[in-house]
Amino acid sequence: MKAALVAVASLAVAFGVMVVLVLVEWWSLASEDHSSKPAPEVVRHSPEQFEELGERTVQETLGGLGLVLSDSGCTVERHGQRSDGTASKLATFERRFTARTRIGASHRQELKDRVQAAWRQHNYWQEPSVRTPNGPDQGPDLLSADTSQGIGVWVALSPETDGTLTLTMSVSDTRVAYAPEYARPLSPLRPDTDDAYWSH
């Protein structure tokens, strides 16, 4: 009988010790300051991957139109400082392309339709098109979409005073590994290539 009581007492002490250890661990976790530990940053693409995906997006969007394009620059904007004071390893990359082909204003609706058709073919998520309220022949048409790889894209059709359109395309990603050496100043480009179809 005495041995049984000793065994029960020993189990009770062991259980009590376990409860105390659990409570101490819980209190330690609860009292720890998590405010200085921001969520880990997730890099979606390397700069090389962004450039590859961007060029693929340009090809899928405008490749079937026969337009001559020029790369007009790339911006790299580093994300702001993190809550713990460390520098972010993420940046927003944006590349711009401008059509060198002269485009007659009469092709405006056709361009919009063909760009949107290309996006549907490649399962882009499209946003409603935007036009300034000045009328159908004034202000740019702005078409925008997102690819399944997280690349944002927009195409602007801007009318010029000489009766032509300037087509500008942008591809961007907000979660690219920061690499300032990829930045190139954006440069305005003017159409300089005549085409028997688009220029009339």
N, C-alpha and C. Protein backbone atom coordinates (compact mmCIF):
# COMPACT_ATOMS: atom_id res chain seq x y z
N MET A 1 0.83 -1.21 0.00
CA MET A 1 0.00 0.00 0.00
C MET A 1 0.87 1.26 0.00
N LYS A 2 1.89 1.23 0.82
CA LYS A 2 2.78 2.37 0.92
C LYS A 2 3.49 2.61 -0.41
N ALA A 3 3.89 1.54 -1.08
CA ALA A 3 4.57 1.66 -2.38
C ALA A 3 3.66 2.29 -3.42
N ALA A 4 2.37 1.94 -3.37
CA ALA A 4 1.40 2.49 -4.32
C ALA A 4 1.24 3.98 -4.11
N LEU A 5 1.20 4.39 -2.81
CA LEU A 5 1.06 5.82 -2.52
C LEU A 5 2.27 6.60 -3.02
N VAL A 6 3.44 6.02 -2.84
CA VAL A 6 4.67 6.68 -3.31
C VAL A 6 4.64 6.84 -4.84
N ALA A 7 4.17 5.81 -5.53
CA ALA A 7 4.11 5.85 -6.99
C ALA A 7 3.15 6.93 -7.45
N VAL A 8 1.99 7.00 -6.80
CA VAL A 8 1.00 8.03 -7.17
C VAL A 8 1.56 9.42 -6.92
N ALA A 9 2.24 9.58 -5.77
CA ALA A 9 2.83 10.89 -5.45
C ALA A 9 3.88 11.28 -6.48
N SER A 10 4.67 10.32 -6.90
CA SER A 10 5.71 10.60 -7.90
C SER A 10 5.10 11.04 -9.23
N LEU A 11 4.01 10.35 -9.64
CA LEU A 11 3.34 10.72 -10.88
C LEU A 11 2.76 12.13 -10.78
N ALA A 12 2.21 12.42 -9.61
CA ALA A 12 1.62 13.75 -9.42
C ALA A 12 2.68 14.84 -9.51
N VAL A 13 3.84 14.59 -8.91
CA VAL A 13 4.94 15.56 -8.96
C VAL A 13 5.42 15.74 -10.40
N ALA A 14 5.55 14.62 -11.12
CA ALA A 14 6.02 14.70 -12.51
C ALA A 14 5.03 15.48 -13.36
N PHE A 15 3.74 15.24 -13.16
CA PHE A 15 2.71 15.95 -13.92
C PHE A 15 2.75 17.45 -13.60
N GLY A 16 2.94 17.74 -12.31
CA GLY A 16 3.00 19.14 -11.90
C GLY A 16 4.17 19.86 -12.53
N VAL A 17 5.32 19.19 -12.61
CA VAL A 17 6.50 19.79 -13.23
C VAL A 17 6.24 20.07 -14.71
N MET A 18 5.58 19.14 -15.40
CA MET A 18 5.28 19.32 -16.82
C MET A 18 4.36 20.52 -17.03
N VAL A 19 3.36 20.65 -16.17
CA VAL A 19 2.43 21.78 -16.28
C VAL A 19 3.17 23.10 -16.09
N VAL A 20 4.06 23.13 -15.09
CA VAL A 20 4.83 24.35 -14.84
C VAL A 20 5.70 24.70 -16.04
N LEU A 21 6.35 23.71 -16.64
CA LEU A 21 7.21 23.97 -17.80
C LEU A 21 6.41 24.50 -18.98
N VAL A 22 5.23 23.93 -19.21
CA VAL A 22 4.37 24.40 -20.30
C VAL A 22 3.94 25.84 -20.07
N LEU A 23 3.55 26.16 -18.83
CA LEU A 23 3.13 27.52 -18.50
C LEU A 23 4.27 28.52 -18.67
N VAL A 24 5.48 28.12 -18.26
CA VAL A 24 6.63 29.00 -18.42
C VAL A 24 6.90 29.27 -19.90
N GLU A 25 6.82 28.23 -20.74
CA GLU A 25 7.06 28.37 -22.17
C GLU A 25 6.00 29.28 -22.80
N TRP A 26 4.74 29.07 -22.41
CA TRP A 26 3.65 29.91 -22.94
C TRP A 26 3.85 31.37 -22.55
N TRP A 27 4.24 31.60 -21.30
CA TRP A 27 4.43 32.97 -20.84
C TRP A 27 5.60 33.62 -21.59
N SER A 28 6.63 32.84 -21.87
CA SER A 28 7.79 33.36 -22.58
C SER A 28 7.42 33.78 -23.99
N LEU A 29 6.60 32.94 -24.68
CA LEU A 29 6.19 33.28 -26.03
C LEU A 29 5.25 34.47 -26.04
N ALA A 30 4.35 34.52 -25.06
CA ALA A 30 3.38 35.61 -25.01
C ALA A 30 4.04 36.95 -24.73
N SER A 31 5.11 36.93 -23.93
CA SER A 31 5.75 38.18 -23.55
C SER A 31 6.80 38.64 -24.55
N GLU A 32 7.13 37.80 -25.56
CA GLU A 32 8.14 38.16 -26.54
C GLU A 32 7.62 39.25 -27.45
N ASP A 33 8.42 40.22 -27.78
CA ASP A 33 8.03 41.35 -28.62
C ASP A 33 8.22 40.98 -30.09
N HIS A 34 7.07 40.80 -30.78
CA HIS A 34 7.13 40.43 -32.20
C HIS A 34 7.05 41.65 -33.10
N SER A 35 6.84 42.82 -32.53
CA SER A 35 6.65 44.01 -33.36
C SER A 35 7.88 44.38 -34.16
N SER A 36 9.06 43.98 -33.70
CA SER A 36 10.29 44.33 -34.40
C SER A 36 10.69 43.28 -35.41
N LYS A 37 9.86 42.28 -35.62
CA LYS A 37 10.18 41.21 -36.55
C LYS A 37 9.17 41.22 -37.70
N PRO A 38 9.46 41.96 -38.77
CA PRO A 38 8.52 42.01 -39.89
C PRO A 38 8.44 40.67 -40.60
N ALA A 39 7.35 40.48 -41.32
CA ALA A 39 7.19 39.25 -42.08
C ALA A 39 8.32 39.12 -43.11
N PRO A 40 8.77 37.92 -43.37
CA PRO A 40 9.86 37.75 -44.33
C PRO A 40 9.45 38.21 -45.73
N GLU A 41 10.39 38.82 -46.43
CA GLU A 41 10.12 39.27 -47.80
C GLU A 41 10.29 38.10 -48.77
N VAL A 42 9.37 38.02 -49.71
CA VAL A 42 9.39 36.94 -50.70
C VAL A 42 9.69 37.53 -52.07
N VAL A 43 10.83 37.15 -52.63
CA VAL A 43 11.20 37.58 -53.97
C VAL A 43 10.47 36.71 -54.99
N ARG A 44 9.69 37.36 -55.85
CA ARG A 44 8.95 36.59 -56.85
C ARG A 44 9.81 36.26 -58.07
N HIS A 45 10.62 37.24 -58.50
CA HIS A 45 11.44 37.04 -59.69
C HIS A 45 12.80 37.69 -59.49
N SER A 46 13.80 37.07 -60.08
CA SER A 46 15.10 37.72 -60.19
C SER A 46 15.02 38.73 -61.33
N PRO A 47 15.96 39.69 -61.40
CA PRO A 47 15.95 40.63 -62.53
C PRO A 47 16.00 39.93 -63.88
N GLU A 48 16.77 38.85 -63.98
CA GLU A 48 16.85 38.12 -65.25
C GLU A 48 15.51 37.48 -65.61
N GLN A 49 14.83 36.92 -64.60
CA GLN A 49 13.51 36.33 -64.86
C GLN A 49 12.51 37.40 -65.27
N PHE A 50 12.58 38.57 -64.63
CA PHE A 50 11.67 39.65 -65.00
C PHE A 50 11.89 40.07 -66.44
N GLU A 51 13.14 40.21 -66.85
CA GLU A 51 13.41 40.62 -68.23
C GLU A 51 12.89 39.57 -69.22
N GLU A 52 13.10 38.30 -68.88
CA GLU A 52 12.62 37.23 -69.77
C GLU A 52 11.09 37.23 -69.87
N LEU A 53 10.42 37.34 -68.70
CA LEU A 53 8.96 37.35 -68.70
C LEU A 53 8.41 38.61 -69.36
N GLY A 54 9.10 39.74 -69.16
CA GLY A 54 8.66 40.97 -69.79
C GLY A 54 8.71 40.89 -71.30
N GLU A 55 9.80 40.36 -71.83
CA GLU A 55 9.92 40.23 -73.29
C GLU A 55 8.90 39.24 -73.84
N ARG A 56 8.62 38.19 -73.07
CA ARG A 56 7.59 37.24 -73.50
C ARG A 56 6.22 37.91 -73.53
N THR A 57 5.96 38.77 -72.53
CA THR A 57 4.68 39.48 -72.48
C THR A 57 4.53 40.42 -73.66
N VAL A 58 5.61 41.11 -74.01
CA VAL A 58 5.59 42.00 -75.18
C VAL A 58 5.30 41.20 -76.45
N GLN A 59 5.95 40.06 -76.57
CA GLN A 59 5.76 39.23 -77.76
C GLN A 59 4.33 38.71 -77.83
N GLU A 60 3.78 38.27 -76.71
CA GLU A 60 2.41 37.75 -76.70
C GLU A 60 1.39 38.86 -76.99
N THR A 61 1.70 40.08 -76.57
CA THR A 61 0.76 41.19 -76.74
C THR A 61 0.82 41.81 -78.12
N LEU A 62 2.04 42.10 -78.60
CA LEU A 62 2.19 42.85 -79.84
C LEU A 62 2.88 42.09 -80.96
N GLY A 63 3.32 40.86 -80.65
CA GLY A 63 4.11 40.12 -81.63
C GLY A 63 3.40 39.86 -82.94
N GLY A 64 2.07 39.74 -82.89
CA GLY A 64 1.33 39.44 -84.11
C GLY A 64 0.95 40.66 -84.92
N LEU A 65 1.37 41.85 -84.49
CA LEU A 65 0.94 43.07 -85.16
C LEU A 65 1.95 43.60 -86.17
N GLY A 66 3.16 43.07 -86.17
CA GLY A 66 4.17 43.52 -87.12
C GLY A 66 4.70 44.91 -86.86
N LEU A 67 4.57 45.40 -85.63
CA LEU A 67 5.09 46.72 -85.29
C LEU A 67 6.58 46.65 -84.95
N VAL A 68 7.31 47.71 -85.25
CA VAL A 68 8.72 47.81 -84.88
C VAL A 68 8.78 48.52 -83.53
N LEU A 69 9.35 47.86 -82.52
CA LEU A 69 9.40 48.40 -81.16
C LEU A 69 10.82 48.75 -80.77
N SER A 70 10.94 49.73 -79.88
CA SER A 70 12.22 50.06 -79.26
C SER A 70 12.07 49.99 -77.75
N ASP A 71 13.10 49.45 -77.08
CA ASP A 71 13.14 49.43 -75.62
C ASP A 71 13.51 50.83 -75.16
N SER A 72 12.60 51.50 -74.43
CA SER A 72 12.85 52.90 -74.07
C SER A 72 13.23 53.10 -72.62
N GLY A 73 13.71 52.03 -71.94
CA GLY A 73 14.24 52.22 -70.60
C GLY A 73 13.62 51.31 -69.55
N CYS A 74 14.22 51.36 -68.34
CA CYS A 74 13.77 50.52 -67.23
C CYS A 74 13.98 51.29 -65.92
N THR A 75 12.96 51.32 -65.09
CA THR A 75 13.08 51.94 -63.77
C THR A 75 13.14 50.85 -62.70
N VAL A 76 13.94 51.10 -61.67
CA VAL A 76 14.06 50.18 -60.54
C VAL A 76 13.85 50.99 -59.27
N GLU A 77 12.73 50.77 -58.59
CA GLU A 77 12.40 51.51 -57.37
C GLU A 77 12.38 50.57 -56.17
N ARG A 78 13.36 50.76 -55.29
CA ARG A 78 13.47 49.91 -54.12
C ARG A 78 12.32 50.18 -53.15
N HIS A 79 11.81 49.12 -52.52
CA HIS A 79 10.76 49.29 -51.53
C HIS A 79 11.31 50.04 -50.32
N GLY A 80 10.41 50.64 -49.54
CA GLY A 80 10.81 51.42 -48.39
C GLY A 80 11.47 50.58 -47.30
N GLN A 81 12.08 51.27 -46.34
CA GLN A 81 12.76 50.59 -45.23
C GLN A 81 11.76 49.75 -44.44
N ARG A 82 12.20 48.60 -43.99
CA ARG A 82 11.34 47.69 -43.24
C ARG A 82 11.15 48.19 -41.81
N SER A 83 10.18 47.60 -41.10
CA SER A 83 9.84 48.08 -39.75
C SER A 83 10.96 47.87 -38.75
N ASP A 84 11.87 46.94 -39.03
CA ASP A 84 12.99 46.72 -38.11
C ASP A 84 14.21 47.56 -38.48
N GLY A 85 14.04 48.46 -39.45
CA GLY A 85 15.12 49.36 -39.83
C GLY A 85 16.05 48.84 -40.90
N THR A 86 15.85 47.61 -41.36
CA THR A 86 16.72 47.06 -42.39
C THR A 86 16.21 47.45 -43.77
N ALA A 87 17.12 47.46 -44.74
CA ALA A 87 16.75 47.81 -46.11
C ALA A 87 16.01 46.66 -46.77
N SER A 88 15.03 46.99 -47.58
CA SER A 88 14.26 45.97 -48.30
C SER A 88 15.12 45.35 -49.40
N LYS A 89 14.89 44.08 -49.64
CA LYS A 89 15.57 43.40 -50.75
C LYS A 89 14.68 43.32 -51.98
N LEU A 90 13.51 43.98 -51.93
CA LEU A 90 12.57 43.96 -53.04
C LEU A 90 12.55 45.30 -53.76
N ALA A 91 12.20 45.26 -55.04
CA ALA A 91 12.06 46.48 -55.83
C ALA A 91 10.96 46.29 -56.86
N THR A 92 10.40 47.41 -57.31
CA THR A 92 9.47 47.41 -58.44
C THR A 92 10.25 47.73 -59.71
N PHE A 93 10.19 46.82 -60.65
CA PHE A 93 10.84 47.00 -61.95
C PHE A 93 9.76 47.36 -62.98
N GLU A 94 10.09 48.31 -63.87
CA GLU A 94 9.20 48.62 -64.99
C GLU A 94 10.03 48.88 -66.23
N ARG A 95 9.67 48.17 -67.31
CA ARG A 95 10.30 48.40 -68.61
C ARG A 95 9.27 49.02 -69.55
N ARG A 96 9.73 49.97 -70.37
CA ARG A 96 8.86 50.63 -71.34
C ARG A 96 9.33 50.31 -72.75
N PHE A 97 8.36 50.18 -73.64
CA PHE A 97 8.62 49.96 -75.05
C PHE A 97 7.76 50.93 -75.85
N THR A 98 8.31 51.45 -76.93
CA THR A 98 7.59 52.39 -77.78
C THR A 98 7.64 51.89 -79.22
N ALA A 99 6.50 51.98 -79.90
CA ALA A 99 6.46 51.56 -81.31
C ALA A 99 7.14 52.61 -82.17
N ARG A 100 8.12 52.18 -82.95
CA ARG A 100 8.77 53.08 -83.90
C ARG A 100 7.95 53.18 -85.18
N THR A 101 7.04 52.23 -85.38
CA THR A 101 6.19 52.24 -86.57
C THR A 101 5.18 53.39 -86.51
N ARG A 102 5.07 54.13 -87.58
CA ARG A 102 4.04 55.16 -87.65
C ARG A 102 2.67 54.47 -87.75
N ILE A 103 1.74 54.91 -86.90
CA ILE A 103 0.42 54.28 -86.85
C ILE A 103 -0.63 55.36 -87.14
N GLY A 104 -1.41 55.16 -88.20
CA GLY A 104 -2.48 56.09 -88.52
C GLY A 104 -3.57 56.03 -87.47
N ALA A 105 -4.17 57.18 -87.15
CA ALA A 105 -5.21 57.24 -86.12
C ALA A 105 -6.41 56.38 -86.47
N SER A 106 -6.60 56.10 -87.75
CA SER A 106 -7.75 55.29 -88.16
C SER A 106 -7.65 53.85 -87.66
N HIS A 107 -6.46 53.42 -87.21
CA HIS A 107 -6.26 52.05 -86.72
C HIS A 107 -6.49 51.93 -85.21
N ARG A 108 -6.94 52.99 -84.57
CA ARG A 108 -7.03 53.01 -83.10
C ARG A 108 -7.88 51.88 -82.55
N GLN A 109 -9.10 51.73 -83.04
CA GLN A 109 -9.99 50.69 -82.53
C GLN A 109 -9.47 49.30 -82.87
N GLU A 110 -8.92 49.15 -84.07
CA GLU A 110 -8.36 47.85 -84.46
C GLU A 110 -7.23 47.44 -83.52
N LEU A 111 -6.36 48.37 -83.16
CA LEU A 111 -5.27 48.06 -82.24
C LEU A 111 -5.82 47.62 -80.88
N LYS A 112 -6.78 48.36 -80.37
CA LYS A 112 -7.38 48.00 -79.08
C LYS A 112 -7.95 46.58 -79.14
N ASP A 113 -8.70 46.30 -80.20
CA ASP A 113 -9.33 44.98 -80.32
C ASP A 113 -8.29 43.87 -80.41
N ARG A 114 -7.22 44.10 -81.15
CA ARG A 114 -6.22 43.05 -81.34
C ARG A 114 -5.37 42.84 -80.08
N VAL A 115 -5.07 43.91 -79.36
CA VAL A 115 -4.35 43.75 -78.09
C VAL A 115 -5.19 42.97 -77.09
N GLN A 116 -6.45 43.31 -76.96
CA GLN A 116 -7.32 42.61 -76.01
C GLN A 116 -7.55 41.17 -76.42
N ALA A 117 -7.63 40.91 -77.71
CA ALA A 117 -7.78 39.53 -78.19
C ALA A 117 -6.54 38.71 -77.85
N ALA A 118 -5.36 39.31 -78.00
CA ALA A 118 -4.12 38.60 -77.64
C ALA A 118 -4.09 38.28 -76.16
N TRP A 119 -4.54 39.20 -75.34
CA TRP A 119 -4.56 38.95 -73.89
C TRP A 119 -5.54 37.83 -73.54
N ARG A 120 -6.69 37.81 -74.21
CA ARG A 120 -7.64 36.72 -73.94
C ARG A 120 -7.04 35.38 -74.36
N GLN A 121 -6.34 35.37 -75.49
CA GLN A 121 -5.74 34.13 -75.97
C GLN A 121 -4.73 33.56 -74.97
N HIS A 122 -4.02 34.44 -74.25
CA HIS A 122 -3.00 34.00 -73.31
C HIS A 122 -3.48 34.06 -71.86
N ASN A 123 -4.79 34.19 -71.68
CA ASN A 123 -5.42 34.12 -70.34
C ASN A 123 -4.91 35.20 -69.39
N TYR A 124 -4.69 36.40 -69.92
CA TYR A 124 -4.38 37.53 -69.04
C TYR A 124 -5.65 37.98 -68.34
N TRP A 125 -5.49 38.50 -67.12
CA TRP A 125 -6.63 39.10 -66.44
C TRP A 125 -6.69 40.57 -66.83
N GLN A 126 -7.76 40.96 -67.53
CA GLN A 126 -7.85 42.31 -68.07
C GLN A 126 -8.67 43.23 -67.18
N GLU A 127 -8.22 44.46 -67.10
CA GLU A 127 -8.97 45.50 -66.42
C GLU A 127 -9.74 46.31 -67.45
N PRO A 128 -10.83 46.99 -67.03
CA PRO A 128 -11.58 47.81 -68.00
C PRO A 128 -10.68 48.87 -68.62
N SER A 129 -10.86 49.11 -69.92
CA SER A 129 -10.05 50.11 -70.59
C SER A 129 -10.44 51.50 -70.12
N VAL A 130 -9.47 52.41 -70.17
CA VAL A 130 -9.67 53.78 -69.69
C VAL A 130 -9.40 54.75 -70.83
N ARG A 131 -10.28 55.72 -70.98
CA ARG A 131 -10.05 56.79 -71.96
C ARG A 131 -10.37 58.11 -71.29
N THR A 132 -9.58 59.12 -71.60
CA THR A 132 -9.87 60.44 -71.04
C THR A 132 -11.19 60.94 -71.59
N PRO A 133 -11.91 61.78 -70.84
CA PRO A 133 -13.27 62.18 -71.24
C PRO A 133 -13.31 63.27 -72.30
N ASN A 134 -12.20 63.52 -73.01
CA ASN A 134 -12.16 64.61 -73.98
C ASN A 134 -12.75 64.25 -75.33
N GLY A 135 -13.07 62.98 -75.53
CA GLY A 135 -13.64 62.58 -76.81
C GLY A 135 -12.84 61.47 -77.44
N PRO A 136 -13.42 60.80 -78.45
CA PRO A 136 -12.77 59.61 -79.03
C PRO A 136 -11.47 59.90 -79.75
N ASP A 137 -11.23 61.14 -80.17
CA ASP A 137 -10.01 61.47 -80.91
C ASP A 137 -8.99 62.21 -80.07
N GLN A 138 -9.24 62.35 -78.78
CA GLN A 138 -8.32 63.06 -77.91
C GLN A 138 -7.98 62.19 -76.71
N GLY A 139 -6.82 62.45 -76.14
CA GLY A 139 -6.42 61.71 -74.94
C GLY A 139 -6.10 60.26 -75.26
N PRO A 140 -5.30 59.62 -74.41
CA PRO A 140 -4.89 58.25 -74.68
C PRO A 140 -5.94 57.22 -74.28
N ASP A 141 -5.94 56.12 -75.00
CA ASP A 141 -6.61 54.90 -74.55
C ASP A 141 -5.59 54.14 -73.72
N LEU A 142 -6.01 53.64 -72.56
CA LEU A 142 -5.10 52.88 -71.71
C LEU A 142 -5.70 51.52 -71.44
N LEU A 143 -5.01 50.47 -71.90
CA LEU A 143 -5.42 49.09 -71.69
C LEU A 143 -4.47 48.46 -70.70
N SER A 144 -4.98 47.71 -69.72
CA SER A 144 -4.09 47.11 -68.72
C SER A 144 -4.55 45.71 -68.38
N ALA A 145 -3.59 44.90 -67.95
CA ALA A 145 -3.86 43.49 -67.63
C ALA A 145 -2.75 42.96 -66.73
N ASP A 146 -2.94 41.74 -66.25
CA ASP A 146 -1.94 41.04 -65.45
C ASP A 146 -1.79 39.62 -65.99
N THR A 147 -0.55 39.13 -66.01
CA THR A 147 -0.31 37.76 -66.44
C THR A 147 -0.36 36.83 -65.23
N SER A 148 -0.42 35.54 -65.51
CA SER A 148 -0.46 34.56 -64.43
C SER A 148 0.86 34.48 -63.67
N GLN A 149 1.95 35.05 -64.24
CA GLN A 149 3.25 35.06 -63.56
C GLN A 149 3.45 36.31 -62.70
N GLY A 150 2.41 37.15 -62.59
CA GLY A 150 2.51 38.34 -61.75
C GLY A 150 3.07 39.55 -62.46
N ILE A 151 3.12 39.53 -63.79
CA ILE A 151 3.60 40.68 -64.54
C ILE A 151 2.42 41.59 -64.88
N GLY A 152 2.54 42.87 -64.51
CA GLY A 152 1.54 43.84 -64.88
C GLY A 152 1.89 44.46 -66.22
N VAL A 153 0.89 44.71 -67.06
CA VAL A 153 1.16 45.24 -68.39
C VAL A 153 0.11 46.29 -68.74
N TRP A 154 0.55 47.37 -69.38
CA TRP A 154 -0.40 48.31 -69.96
C TRP A 154 0.07 48.77 -71.31
N VAL A 155 -0.90 49.12 -72.14
CA VAL A 155 -0.64 49.64 -73.48
C VAL A 155 -1.40 50.95 -73.59
N ALA A 156 -0.69 52.03 -73.99
CA ALA A 156 -1.31 53.34 -74.18
C ALA A 156 -1.27 53.71 -75.65
N LEU A 157 -2.41 54.15 -76.17
CA LEU A 157 -2.51 54.64 -77.54
C LEU A 157 -2.79 56.14 -77.45
N SER A 158 -1.79 56.94 -77.79
CA SER A 158 -1.89 58.39 -77.62
C SER A 158 -1.94 59.08 -78.97
N PRO A 159 -2.99 59.83 -79.25
CA PRO A 159 -3.09 60.53 -80.54
C PRO A 159 -2.12 61.71 -80.61
N GLU A 160 -1.56 61.93 -81.78
CA GLU A 160 -0.64 63.04 -82.03
C GLU A 160 -1.31 64.06 -82.95
N THR A 161 -0.75 65.25 -83.00
CA THR A 161 -1.33 66.33 -83.80
C THR A 161 -1.24 66.08 -85.30
N ASP A 162 -0.36 65.15 -85.71
CA ASP A 162 -0.20 64.89 -87.15
C ASP A 162 -1.12 63.77 -87.63
N GLY A 163 -2.07 63.34 -86.79
CA GLY A 163 -3.02 62.30 -87.20
C GLY A 163 -2.51 60.89 -87.03
N THR A 164 -1.46 60.71 -86.24
CA THR A 164 -0.93 59.37 -85.96
C THR A 164 -1.13 59.05 -84.48
N LEU A 165 -0.84 57.81 -84.14
CA LEU A 165 -0.90 57.34 -82.75
C LEU A 165 0.49 56.96 -82.29
N THR A 166 0.80 57.27 -81.04
CA THR A 166 2.01 56.74 -80.40
C THR A 166 1.59 55.60 -79.50
N LEU A 167 2.18 54.43 -79.73
CA LEU A 167 1.88 53.26 -78.91
C LEU A 167 3.03 53.04 -77.92
N THR A 168 2.69 53.01 -76.64
CA THR A 168 3.66 52.76 -75.58
C THR A 168 3.19 51.55 -74.79
N MET A 169 4.13 50.68 -74.45
CA MET A 169 3.80 49.49 -73.66
C MET A 169 4.70 49.43 -72.44
N SER A 170 4.14 49.01 -71.32
CA SER A 170 4.90 48.87 -70.07
C SER A 170 4.69 47.48 -69.51
N VAL A 171 5.77 46.90 -68.99
CA VAL A 171 5.68 45.65 -68.22
C VAL A 171 6.33 45.91 -66.87
N SER A 172 5.72 45.41 -65.79
CA SER A 172 6.25 45.71 -64.46
C SER A 172 5.98 44.56 -63.51
N ASP A 173 6.74 44.56 -62.41
CA ASP A 173 6.58 43.57 -61.34
C ASP A 173 7.02 44.24 -60.04
N THR A 174 6.23 44.07 -58.98
CA THR A 174 6.51 44.74 -57.71
C THR A 174 7.36 43.91 -56.75
N ARG A 175 7.70 42.68 -57.12
CA ARG A 175 8.43 41.81 -56.19
C ARG A 175 9.65 41.19 -56.86
N VAL A 176 10.51 42.08 -57.38
CA VAL A 176 11.75 41.64 -58.02
C VAL A 176 12.91 41.92 -57.06
N ALA A 177 13.90 41.06 -57.06
CA ALA A 177 15.09 41.27 -56.23
C ALA A 177 15.76 42.58 -56.64
N TYR A 178 16.05 43.42 -55.66
CA TYR A 178 16.62 44.75 -55.92
C TYR A 178 17.98 44.62 -56.60
N ALA A 179 18.11 45.30 -57.73
CA ALA A 179 19.37 45.28 -58.48
C ALA A 179 19.46 46.59 -59.26
N PRO A 180 20.04 47.63 -58.67
CA PRO A 180 20.03 48.96 -59.30
C PRO A 180 20.76 49.02 -60.63
N GLU A 181 21.65 48.07 -60.90
CA GLU A 181 22.41 48.11 -62.14
C GLU A 181 21.52 47.86 -63.38
N TYR A 182 20.28 47.40 -63.16
CA TYR A 182 19.37 47.15 -64.28
C TYR A 182 18.61 48.41 -64.69
N ALA A 183 18.72 49.48 -63.93
CA ALA A 183 17.99 50.71 -64.23
C ALA A 183 18.59 51.42 -65.44
N ARG A 184 17.72 51.87 -66.33
CA ARG A 184 18.12 52.68 -67.48
C ARG A 184 17.12 53.83 -67.61
N PRO A 185 17.58 55.06 -67.74
CA PRO A 185 16.65 56.19 -67.81
C PRO A 185 15.63 56.02 -68.93
N LEU A 186 14.37 56.36 -68.63
CA LEU A 186 13.34 56.31 -69.66
C LEU A 186 13.60 57.41 -70.67
N SER A 187 13.57 57.05 -71.95
CA SER A 187 13.84 58.03 -73.00
C SER A 187 12.64 58.11 -73.94
N PRO A 188 12.14 59.32 -74.21
CA PRO A 188 11.03 59.46 -75.15
C PRO A 188 11.49 59.13 -76.56
N LEU A 189 10.70 58.33 -77.25
CA LEU A 189 11.03 57.94 -78.62
C LEU A 189 9.90 58.36 -79.55
N ARG A 190 10.25 58.71 -80.76
CA ARG A 190 9.26 59.10 -81.75
C ARG A 190 9.22 58.09 -82.87
N PRO A 191 8.04 57.85 -83.44
CA PRO A 191 7.96 56.92 -84.59
C PRO A 191 8.83 57.41 -85.75
N ASP A 192 9.55 56.49 -86.36
CA ASP A 192 10.41 56.86 -87.48
C ASP A 192 10.43 55.81 -88.57
N THR A 193 9.50 54.86 -88.50
CA THR A 193 9.48 53.77 -89.49
C THR A 193 8.09 53.75 -90.16
N ASP A 194 8.07 53.93 -91.46
CA ASP A 194 6.81 53.88 -92.20
C ASP A 194 6.44 52.44 -92.50
N ASP A 195 5.15 52.16 -92.50
CA ASP A 195 4.65 50.82 -92.79
C ASP A 195 3.46 50.99 -93.73
N ALA A 196 3.42 50.16 -94.75
CA ALA A 196 2.38 50.29 -95.78
C ALA A 196 0.97 50.11 -95.20
N TYR A 197 0.88 49.38 -94.09
CA TYR A 197 -0.44 49.13 -93.51
C TYR A 197 -0.76 50.11 -92.39
N TRP A 198 0.11 50.14 -91.36
CA TRP A 198 -0.22 50.89 -90.14
C TRP A 198 -0.13 52.41 -90.33
N SER A 199 0.67 52.86 -91.26
CA SER A 199 0.84 54.31 -91.39
C SER A 199 -0.25 54.98 -92.22
N HIS A 200 -1.22 54.19 -92.71
CA HIS A 200 -2.30 54.77 -93.51
C HIS A 200 -3.66 54.50 -92.89
